[in-house]
């Protein structure tokens, strides 16, 4: 099983991915493909995402049972915390009046 989340990518890339995966929400792709197909899709995403970003979640033989891969600069960051993959959501910078 794999989940792929895309941000700010060309529509053509999303169209290509619908050949292999389901898109239950805009930019979210889900499917069960072989490791070879998964890696080839991830390589295609890396080449075609342009200024966009992607996060891939897939099965892995580790404590969490999954691994996270990142391409580009997504809105949420993946952080390794003592071997565990965590997601960091950046806090918005408060606006200062009069600047």
N, C-alpha and C. Protein backbone atom coordinates (compact mmCIF):
# COMPACT_ATOMS: atom_id res chain seq x y z
N UNK A 1 0.85 -1.18 0.00
CA UNK A 1 0.00 0.00 0.00
C UNK A 1 0.89 1.23 0.00
N UNK A 2 0.46 2.23 -0.73
CA UNK A 2 1.19 3.49 -0.75
C UNK A 2 0.22 4.65 -0.79
N UNK A 3 0.64 5.76 -0.21
CA UNK A 3 -0.11 7.01 -0.25
C UNK A 3 0.87 8.07 -0.73
N UNK A 4 0.45 8.86 -1.69
CA UNK A 4 1.29 9.90 -2.26
C UNK A 4 0.53 11.21 -2.19
N UNK A 5 1.15 12.22 -1.60
CA UNK A 5 0.53 13.55 -1.46
C UNK A 5 1.33 14.54 -2.27
N UNK A 6 0.67 15.20 -3.23
CA UNK A 6 1.34 16.16 -4.10
C UNK A 6 0.87 17.57 -3.80
N UNK A 7 1.78 18.53 -3.91
CA UNK A 7 1.47 19.94 -3.72
C UNK A 7 2.05 20.74 -4.89
N UNK A 8 1.24 21.58 -5.48
CA UNK A 8 1.69 22.51 -6.52
C UNK A 8 2.41 21.83 -7.69
N UNK A 9 1.87 20.72 -8.17
CA UNK A 9 2.48 20.00 -9.29
C UNK A 9 1.65 20.21 -10.55
N UNK A 10 2.23 20.00 -11.72
CA UNK A 10 1.47 20.13 -12.96
C UNK A 10 0.33 19.11 -13.05
N UNK A 11 -0.76 19.52 -13.68
CA UNK A 11 -1.92 18.64 -13.85
C UNK A 11 -1.56 17.39 -14.65
N UNK A 12 -0.60 17.51 -15.55
CA UNK A 12 -0.20 16.36 -16.36
C UNK A 12 0.39 15.25 -15.49
N UNK A 13 1.12 15.62 -14.45
CA UNK A 13 1.68 14.62 -13.54
C UNK A 13 0.55 13.90 -12.80
N UNK A 14 -0.42 14.65 -12.33
CA UNK A 14 -1.56 14.03 -11.65
C UNK A 14 -2.29 13.08 -12.58
N UNK A 15 -2.42 13.47 -13.84
CA UNK A 15 -3.07 12.60 -14.83
C UNK A 15 -2.30 11.31 -15.05
N UNK A 16 -0.99 11.42 -15.12
CA UNK A 16 -0.14 10.22 -15.29
C UNK A 16 -0.34 9.26 -14.12
N UNK A 17 -0.39 9.80 -12.91
CA UNK A 17 -0.51 8.95 -11.72
C UNK A 17 -1.86 8.24 -11.65
N UNK A 18 -2.91 8.82 -12.23
CA UNK A 18 -4.22 8.17 -12.17
C UNK A 18 -4.27 6.90 -13.00
N UNK A 19 -3.27 6.66 -13.81
CA UNK A 19 -3.19 5.39 -14.54
C UNK A 19 -2.88 4.23 -13.60
N UNK A 20 -2.22 4.53 -12.49
CA UNK A 20 -1.77 3.50 -11.56
C UNK A 20 -2.45 3.55 -10.20
N UNK A 21 -2.87 4.75 -9.80
CA UNK A 21 -3.37 4.97 -8.44
C UNK A 21 -4.72 5.67 -8.47
N UNK A 22 -5.46 5.55 -7.37
CA UNK A 22 -6.72 6.28 -7.21
C UNK A 22 -6.44 7.65 -6.60
N UNK A 23 -7.24 8.65 -6.96
CA UNK A 23 -7.09 9.99 -6.40
C UNK A 23 -8.38 10.34 -5.64
N UNK A 24 -8.50 9.90 -4.36
CA UNK A 24 -9.73 10.16 -3.60
C UNK A 24 -9.94 11.62 -3.24
N UNK A 25 -8.89 12.41 -3.20
CA UNK A 25 -8.97 13.85 -2.97
C UNK A 25 -7.89 14.49 -3.83
N UNK A 26 -8.06 15.75 -4.14
CA UNK A 26 -7.11 16.44 -5.00
C UNK A 26 -5.69 16.36 -4.44
N UNK A 27 -4.79 15.80 -5.24
CA UNK A 27 -3.39 15.70 -4.85
C UNK A 27 -3.06 14.54 -3.92
N UNK A 28 -4.03 13.70 -3.59
CA UNK A 28 -3.80 12.54 -2.72
C UNK A 28 -4.03 11.28 -3.56
N UNK A 29 -3.01 10.45 -3.66
CA UNK A 29 -3.09 9.23 -4.46
C UNK A 29 -2.86 8.02 -3.57
N UNK A 30 -3.65 6.96 -3.79
CA UNK A 30 -3.58 5.75 -2.98
C UNK A 30 -3.57 4.55 -3.91
N UNK A 31 -2.78 3.55 -3.56
CA UNK A 31 -2.79 2.34 -4.36
C UNK A 31 -1.92 1.25 -3.77
N UNK A 32 -2.05 0.08 -4.35
CA UNK A 32 -1.23 -1.05 -3.96
C UNK A 32 -0.52 -1.55 -5.21
N UNK A 33 0.75 -1.20 -5.33
CA UNK A 33 1.55 -1.58 -6.48
C UNK A 33 2.82 -2.27 -5.98
N UNK A 34 3.53 -2.90 -6.89
CA UNK A 34 4.78 -3.56 -6.51
C UNK A 34 5.82 -2.50 -6.13
N UNK A 35 6.86 -2.95 -5.45
CA UNK A 35 7.93 -2.04 -5.04
C UNK A 35 8.61 -1.43 -6.26
N UNK A 36 8.75 -2.19 -7.33
CA UNK A 36 9.37 -1.69 -8.55
C UNK A 36 8.53 -0.56 -9.16
N UNK A 37 7.22 -0.77 -9.27
CA UNK A 37 6.34 0.25 -9.84
C UNK A 37 6.32 1.47 -8.93
N UNK A 38 6.25 1.25 -7.62
CA UNK A 38 6.27 2.36 -6.66
C UNK A 38 7.52 3.22 -6.85
N UNK A 39 8.68 2.58 -6.95
CA UNK A 39 9.93 3.32 -7.11
C UNK A 39 9.99 4.06 -8.45
N UNK A 40 9.45 3.46 -9.50
CA UNK A 40 9.42 4.12 -10.80
C UNK A 40 8.46 5.31 -10.79
N UNK A 41 7.32 5.18 -10.11
CA UNK A 41 6.39 6.30 -9.98
C UNK A 41 7.03 7.43 -9.18
N UNK A 42 7.75 7.08 -8.12
CA UNK A 42 8.42 8.09 -7.30
C UNK A 42 9.49 8.82 -8.11
N UNK A 43 10.21 8.09 -8.94
CA UNK A 43 11.23 8.71 -9.79
C UNK A 43 10.57 9.67 -10.79
N UNK A 44 9.43 9.26 -11.35
CA UNK A 44 8.69 10.12 -12.28
C UNK A 44 8.21 11.39 -11.57
N UNK A 45 7.70 11.25 -10.35
CA UNK A 45 7.25 12.41 -9.58
C UNK A 45 8.42 13.38 -9.37
N UNK A 46 9.58 12.85 -8.99
CA UNK A 46 10.75 13.70 -8.77
C UNK A 46 11.16 14.48 -10.00
N UNK A 47 11.01 13.88 -11.18
CA UNK A 47 11.42 14.54 -12.42
C UNK A 47 10.39 15.54 -12.92
N UNK A 48 9.10 15.28 -12.66
CA UNK A 48 8.04 16.08 -13.28
C UNK A 48 7.37 17.07 -12.33
N UNK A 49 7.75 17.11 -11.07
CA UNK A 49 7.04 17.95 -10.10
C UNK A 49 7.34 19.44 -10.27
N UNK A 50 8.36 19.79 -11.00
CA UNK A 50 8.80 21.17 -11.20
C UNK A 50 9.01 21.85 -9.86
N UNK A 51 8.30 22.93 -9.54
CA UNK A 51 8.51 23.64 -8.27
C UNK A 51 7.63 23.08 -7.16
N UNK A 52 6.88 22.03 -7.45
CA UNK A 52 5.99 21.43 -6.47
C UNK A 52 6.72 20.55 -5.48
N UNK A 53 5.92 19.81 -4.69
CA UNK A 53 6.49 18.95 -3.66
C UNK A 53 5.66 17.68 -3.55
N UNK A 54 6.27 16.65 -2.96
CA UNK A 54 5.58 15.38 -2.80
C UNK A 54 6.06 14.68 -1.53
N UNK A 55 5.14 13.95 -0.91
CA UNK A 55 5.47 13.08 0.21
C UNK A 55 4.88 11.71 -0.09
N UNK A 56 5.71 10.69 0.00
CA UNK A 56 5.29 9.31 -0.24
C UNK A 56 5.32 8.56 1.08
N UNK A 57 4.25 7.84 1.37
CA UNK A 57 4.18 6.96 2.54
C UNK A 57 4.00 5.55 2.00
N UNK A 58 4.89 4.64 2.38
CA UNK A 58 4.77 3.27 1.91
C UNK A 58 5.21 2.29 2.99
N UNK A 59 4.81 1.04 2.82
CA UNK A 59 5.16 -0.01 3.78
C UNK A 59 6.67 -0.16 3.91
N UNK A 60 7.10 -0.45 5.13
CA UNK A 60 8.53 -0.70 5.38
C UNK A 60 8.66 -1.63 6.58
N UNK A 61 9.77 -2.32 6.62
CA UNK A 61 10.04 -3.24 7.73
C UNK A 61 10.80 -2.49 8.82
N UNK A 62 10.07 -1.65 9.57
CA UNK A 62 10.67 -0.90 10.67
C UNK A 62 9.66 -0.81 11.82
N UNK A 63 10.00 -0.09 12.85
CA UNK A 63 9.13 0.02 14.03
C UNK A 63 7.75 0.59 13.69
N UNK A 64 7.70 1.58 12.83
CA UNK A 64 6.43 2.22 12.50
C UNK A 64 5.64 1.44 11.45
N UNK A 65 6.32 0.59 10.69
CA UNK A 65 5.65 -0.18 9.65
C UNK A 65 5.51 0.57 8.34
N UNK A 66 6.07 1.78 8.28
CA UNK A 66 6.03 2.56 7.05
C UNK A 66 7.24 3.48 7.00
N UNK A 67 7.50 4.00 5.80
CA UNK A 67 8.56 4.99 5.63
C UNK A 67 7.99 6.18 4.89
N UNK A 68 8.63 7.32 5.08
CA UNK A 68 8.24 8.56 4.42
C UNK A 68 9.36 9.01 3.51
N UNK A 69 9.01 9.40 2.29
CA UNK A 69 9.98 9.97 1.36
C UNK A 69 9.48 11.35 0.96
N UNK A 70 10.39 12.27 0.80
CA UNK A 70 10.04 13.65 0.48
C UNK A 70 10.78 14.09 -0.77
N UNK A 71 10.08 14.83 -1.63
CA UNK A 71 10.69 15.43 -2.81
C UNK A 71 10.22 16.88 -2.88
N UNK A 72 11.14 17.81 -2.98
CA UNK A 72 10.79 19.22 -3.00
C UNK A 72 10.68 19.77 -1.58
N UNK A 73 9.92 20.84 -1.44
CA UNK A 73 9.73 21.49 -0.13
C UNK A 73 8.25 21.53 0.21
N UNK A 74 7.73 20.46 0.81
CA UNK A 74 6.31 20.44 1.16
C UNK A 74 6.00 21.38 2.32
N UNK A 75 4.71 21.70 2.48
CA UNK A 75 4.28 22.60 3.56
C UNK A 75 4.58 22.00 4.93
N UNK A 76 4.57 20.70 5.02
CA UNK A 76 4.89 20.01 6.28
C UNK A 76 6.20 19.28 6.11
N UNK A 77 7.02 19.32 7.14
CA UNK A 77 8.36 18.73 7.06
C UNK A 77 8.40 17.38 7.78
N UNK A 78 9.15 16.45 7.20
CA UNK A 78 9.38 15.16 7.85
C UNK A 78 10.64 15.28 8.69
N UNK A 79 10.53 14.90 9.96
CA UNK A 79 11.64 15.01 10.89
C UNK A 79 11.93 13.63 11.48
N UNK A 80 13.20 13.26 11.53
CA UNK A 80 13.59 12.01 12.17
C UNK A 80 13.85 12.29 13.65
N UNK A 81 13.11 11.62 14.52
CA UNK A 81 13.25 11.80 15.96
C UNK A 81 13.59 10.45 16.56
N UNK A 82 14.89 10.22 16.78
CA UNK A 82 15.39 8.96 17.34
C UNK A 82 14.86 7.74 16.60
N UNK A 83 14.89 7.82 15.27
CA UNK A 83 14.48 6.69 14.45
C UNK A 83 13.01 6.69 14.06
N UNK A 84 12.21 7.59 14.62
CA UNK A 84 10.79 7.67 14.27
C UNK A 84 10.58 8.85 13.32
N UNK A 85 9.79 8.63 12.29
CA UNK A 85 9.46 9.71 11.37
C UNK A 85 8.27 10.49 11.92
N UNK A 86 8.45 11.79 12.08
CA UNK A 86 7.40 12.67 12.58
C UNK A 86 7.16 13.77 11.56
N UNK A 87 5.99 14.38 11.63
CA UNK A 87 5.65 15.49 10.75
C UNK A 87 5.65 16.78 11.56
N UNK A 88 6.38 17.77 11.07
CA UNK A 88 6.42 19.08 11.71
C UNK A 88 5.63 20.06 10.85
N UNK A 89 4.67 20.73 11.49
CA UNK A 89 3.89 21.76 10.82
C UNK A 89 4.46 23.11 11.23
N UNK A 90 4.99 23.87 10.29
CA UNK A 90 5.57 25.16 10.66
C UNK A 90 4.50 26.11 11.19
N UNK A 91 4.86 26.88 12.22
CA UNK A 91 3.94 27.89 12.74
C UNK A 91 3.98 29.09 11.83
N UNK A 92 2.81 29.68 11.56
CA UNK A 92 2.83 30.89 10.73
C UNK A 92 3.48 32.04 11.48
N UNK A 93 4.18 32.88 10.76
CA UNK A 93 4.83 34.05 11.35
C UNK A 93 3.75 35.11 11.59
N UNK A 94 3.60 35.58 12.83
CA UNK A 94 2.56 36.58 13.09
C UNK A 94 2.89 37.90 12.41
N UNK A 95 1.84 38.55 11.89
CA UNK A 95 2.02 39.85 11.25
C UNK A 95 2.10 40.93 12.32
N UNK A 96 3.01 41.85 12.12
CA UNK A 96 3.17 42.97 13.05
C UNK A 96 2.52 44.19 12.40
N UNK A 97 1.62 44.82 13.13
CA UNK A 97 0.93 46.01 12.62
C UNK A 97 1.92 47.12 12.31
N UNK A 98 1.71 47.81 11.21
CA UNK A 98 2.52 48.98 10.88
C UNK A 98 3.83 48.68 10.20
N UNK A 99 4.08 47.42 9.78
CA UNK A 99 5.33 47.13 9.08
C UNK A 99 5.08 46.78 7.66
